[in-house]
Amino acid sequence: MKKVISIALGVLFLSGCVQTTALLGPSVIGAQSGSVYKASLQYGTNYMIKKSTGKSTSEHALGLIQEPIKIRKEKRIRNNLTKLLERHILTTRATNLLNQHIFTTRKKLLKNN
């Protein structure tokens, strides 16, 4: 019996919590500030931002936090790639110089013989 009641309460509370909490935001703001004007302005602003950009204000804030992390990661990847390419270029140059030296030395030896 306890299981049935707990499952029923869980379904009741978890099934529609997203829709009802969306309406709690403006009422909480109105209760905190005591101003219906501020609450309606906040709700209207959030609605217009969501409608024009497709993101809520919290998603924008999260994006502002995550973007510097993403930029730092891209910089680190770019620096690692640059170091790898510089090392490869130096190795290739050294190999080319060595091959050129071997070629000229062989040429000189063949002329002397």
C-alpha atoms as a PDB file:
ATOM      1  CA  MET A   1       0.000   0.000   0.000  1.00  0.00           C
ATOM      2  CA  LYS A   2       2.847   2.354   0.843  1.00  0.00           C
ATOM      3  CA  LYS A   3       4.433   1.640  -2.530  1.00  0.00           C
ATOM      4  CA  VAL A   4       1.232   2.498  -4.384  1.00  0.00           C
ATOM      5  CA  ILE A   5       0.805   5.768  -2.492  1.00  0.00           C
ATOM      6  CA  SER A   6       4.437   6.773  -2.988  1.00  0.00           C
ATOM      7  CA  ILE A   7       4.293   5.964  -6.711  1.00  0.00           C
ATOM      8  CA  ALA A   8       1.023   7.864  -7.096  1.00  0.00           C
ATOM      9  CA  LEU A   9       2.441  10.891  -5.290  1.00  0.00           C
ATOM     10  CA  GLY A  10       5.634  10.696  -7.328  1.00  0.00           C
ATOM     11  CA  VAL A  11       3.720  10.635 -10.599  1.00  0.00           C
ATOM     12  CA  LEU A  12       1.479  13.445  -9.404  1.00  0.00           C
ATOM     13  CA  PHE A  13       4.363  15.692  -8.415  1.00  0.00           C
ATOM     14  CA  LEU A  14       6.759  14.850 -11.239  1.00  0.00           C
ATOM     15  CA  SER A  15       4.389  14.746 -14.191  1.00  0.00           C
ATOM     16  CA  GLY A  16       3.409  18.386 -14.407  1.00  0.00           C
ATOM     17  CA  CYS A  17       6.032  20.180 -12.393  1.00  0.00           C
ATOM     18  CA  VAL A  18       7.634  21.849 -15.410  1.00  0.00           C
ATOM     19  CA  GLN A  19       4.462  23.544 -16.576  1.00  0.00           C
ATOM     20  CA  THR A  20       3.426  24.820 -13.183  1.00  0.00           C
ATOM     21  CA  THR A  21       6.838  26.087 -12.177  1.00  0.00           C
ATOM     22  CA  ALA A  22       7.000  28.221 -15.309  1.00  0.00           C
ATOM     23  CA  LEU A  23       4.203  30.308 -13.876  1.00  0.00           C
ATOM     24  CA  LEU A  24       5.806  30.548 -10.438  1.00  0.00           C
ATOM     25  CA  GLY A  25       8.667  32.791 -11.612  1.00  0.00           C
ATOM     26  CA  PRO A  26       6.682  35.992 -12.058  1.00  0.00           C
ATOM     27  CA  SER A  27       4.693  35.414  -8.865  1.00  0.00           C
ATOM     28  CA  VAL A  28       7.871  34.897  -6.844  1.00  0.00           C
ATOM     29  CA  ILE A  29       9.371  38.073  -8.309  1.00  0.00           C
ATOM     30  CA  GLY A  30       6.152  39.937  -7.557  1.00  0.00           C
ATOM     31  CA  ALA A  31       6.102  38.628  -3.995  1.00  0.00           C
ATOM     32  CA  GLN A  32       9.746  39.531  -3.407  1.00  0.00           C
ATOM     33  CA  SER A  33       9.649  43.003  -4.882  1.00  0.00           C
ATOM     34  CA  GLY A  34       6.046  43.760  -4.035  1.00  0.00           C
ATOM     35  CA  SER A  35       5.528  45.182  -7.498  1.00  0.00           C
ATOM     36  CA  VAL A  36       3.305  43.722 -10.172  1.00  0.00           C
ATOM     37  CA  TYR A  37       4.970  46.078 -12.647  1.00  0.00           C
ATOM     38  CA  LYS A  38       8.423  44.576 -12.029  1.00  0.00           C
ATOM     39  CA  ALA A  39       7.097  41.034 -12.212  1.00  0.00           C
ATOM     40  CA  SER A  40       5.253  41.650 -15.480  1.00  0.00           C
ATOM     41  CA  LEU A  41       8.265  43.462 -16.958  1.00  0.00           C
ATOM     42  CA  GLN A  42      10.513  40.540 -16.004  1.00  0.00           C
ATOM     43  CA  TYR A  43       8.088  38.016 -17.462  1.00  0.00           C
ATOM     44  CA  GLY A  44       7.650  40.054 -20.656  1.00  0.00           C
ATOM     45  CA  THR A  45      11.384  40.491 -21.088  1.00  0.00           C
ATOM     46  CA  ASN A  46      12.035  36.789 -20.618  1.00  0.00           C
ATOM     47  CA  TYR A  47       9.258  35.940 -23.061  1.00  0.00           C
ATOM     48  CA  MET A  48      10.575  38.330 -25.743  1.00  0.00           C
ATOM     49  CA  ILE A  49      14.145  37.056 -25.372  1.00  0.00           C
ATOM     50  CA  LYS A  50      12.951  33.455 -25.636  1.00  0.00           C
ATOM     51  CA  LYS A  51      10.781  34.286 -28.659  1.00  0.00           C
ATOM     52  CA  SER A  52      13.464  36.233 -30.556  1.00  0.00           C
ATOM     53  CA  THR A  53      16.509  34.059 -29.839  1.00  0.00           C
ATOM     54  CA  GLY A  54      15.013  30.676 -29.046  1.00  0.00           C
ATOM     55  CA  LYS A  55      16.949  30.575 -25.780  1.00  0.00           C
ATOM     56  CA  SER A  56      15.820  31.458 -22.300  1.00  0.00           C
ATOM     57  CA  THR A  57      17.751  33.930 -20.168  1.00  0.00           C
ATOM     58  CA  SER A  58      19.216  31.100 -18.105  1.00  0.00           C
ATOM     59  CA  GLU A  59      20.448  29.389 -21.300  1.00  0.00           C
ATOM     60  CA  HIS A  60      22.118  32.660 -22.332  1.00  0.00           C
ATOM     61  CA  ALA A  61      23.791  32.943 -18.923  1.00  0.00           C
ATOM     62  CA  LEU A  62      24.977  29.348 -19.133  1.00  0.00           C
ATOM     63  CA  GLY A  63      26.333  30.038 -22.624  1.00  0.00           C
ATOM     64  CA  LEU A  64      28.288  33.020 -21.310  1.00  0.00           C
ATOM     65  CA  ILE A  65      29.854  30.801 -18.686  1.00  0.00           C
ATOM     66  CA  GLN A  66      30.619  27.914 -21.029  1.00  0.00           C
ATOM     67  CA  GLU A  67      31.971  30.026 -23.903  1.00  0.00           C
ATOM     68  CA  PRO A  68      35.237  31.035 -22.165  1.00  0.00           C
ATOM     69  CA  ILE A  69      35.783  27.377 -21.274  1.00  0.00           C
ATOM     70  CA  LYS A  70      35.237  26.449 -24.917  1.00  0.00           C
ATOM     71  CA  ILE A  71      37.605  29.196 -26.094  1.00  0.00           C
ATOM     72  CA  ARG A  72      40.323  28.047 -23.669  1.00  0.00           C
ATOM     73  CA  LYS A  73      39.925  24.471 -24.889  1.00  0.00           C
ATOM     74  CA  GLU A  74      40.188  25.593 -28.521  1.00  0.00           C
ATOM     75  CA  LYS A  75      43.306  27.658 -27.685  1.00  0.00           C
ATOM     76  CA  ARG A  76      44.907  24.668 -25.975  1.00  0.00           C
ATOM     77  CA  ILE A  77      44.136  22.453 -28.978  1.00  0.00           C
ATOM     78  CA  ARG A  78      45.475  25.128 -31.352  1.00  0.00           C
ATOM     79  CA  ASN A  79      48.681  25.499 -29.305  1.00  0.00           C
ATOM     80  CA  ASN A  80      49.226  21.735 -29.229  1.00  0.00           C
ATOM     81  CA  LEU A  81      48.656  21.531 -32.976  1.00  0.00           C
ATOM     82  CA  THR A  82      51.057  24.432 -33.571  1.00  0.00           C
ATOM     83  CA  LYS A  83      53.763  22.778 -31.475  1.00  0.00           C
ATOM     84  CA  LEU A  84      53.265  19.484 -33.299  1.00  0.00           C
ATOM     85  CA  LEU A  85      53.489  21.166 -36.715  1.00  0.00           C
ATOM     86  CA  GLU A  86      56.591  23.172 -35.727  1.00  0.00           C
ATOM     87  CA  ARG A  87      58.275  19.989 -34.521  1.00  0.00           C
ATOM     88  CA  HIS A  88      57.341  18.230 -37.766  1.00  0.00           C
ATOM     89  CA  ILE A  89      58.667  21.134 -39.870  1.00  0.00           C
ATOM     90  CA  LEU A  90      61.975  21.165 -37.981  1.00  0.00           C
ATOM     91  CA  THR A  91      62.341  17.408 -38.384  1.00  0.00           C
ATOM     92  CA  THR A  92      61.568  17.638 -42.097  1.00  0.00           C
ATOM     93  CA  ARG A  93      64.079  20.471 -42.574  1.00  0.00           C
ATOM     94  CA  ALA A  94      66.761  18.514 -40.751  1.00  0.00           C
ATOM     95  CA  THR A  95      66.038  15.456 -42.889  1.00  0.00           C
ATOM     96  CA  ASN A  96      66.179  17.523 -46.076  1.00  0.00           C
ATOM     97  CA  LEU A  97      69.482  19.113 -45.047  1.00  0.00           C
ATOM     98  CA  LEU A  98      70.914  15.713 -44.232  1.00  0.00           C
ATOM     99  CA  ASN A  99      69.746  14.273 -47.562  1.00  0.00           C
ATOM    100  CA  GLN A 100      71.174  17.281 -49.400  1.00  0.00           C
ATOM    101  CA  HIS A 101      74.525  16.858 -47.621  1.00  0.00           C
ATOM    102  CA  ILE A 102      74.587  13.140 -48.476  1.00  0.00           C
ATOM    103  CA  PHE A 103      73.773  13.925 -52.110  1.00  0.00           C
ATOM    104  CA  THR A 104      76.549  16.530 -52.438  1.00  0.00           C
ATOM    105  CA  THR A 105      79.064  14.263 -50.686  1.00  0.00           C
ATOM    106  CA  ARG A 106      78.259  11.384 -53.059  1.00  0.00           C
ATOM    107  CA  LYS A 107      78.568  13.723 -56.006  1.00  0.00           C
ATOM    108  CA  LYS A 108      82.026  14.857 -54.842  1.00  0.00           C
ATOM    109  CA  LEU A 109      83.132  11.276 -54.247  1.00  0.00           C
ATOM    110  CA  LEU A 110      81.988  10.184 -57.683  1.00  0.00           C
ATOM    111  CA  LYS A 111      83.860  13.092 -59.296  1.00  0.00           C
ATOM    112  CA  ASN A 112      87.054  12.152 -57.458  1.00  0.00           C
ATOM    113  CA  ASN A 113      86.897   8.525 -58.552  1.00  0.00           C
END
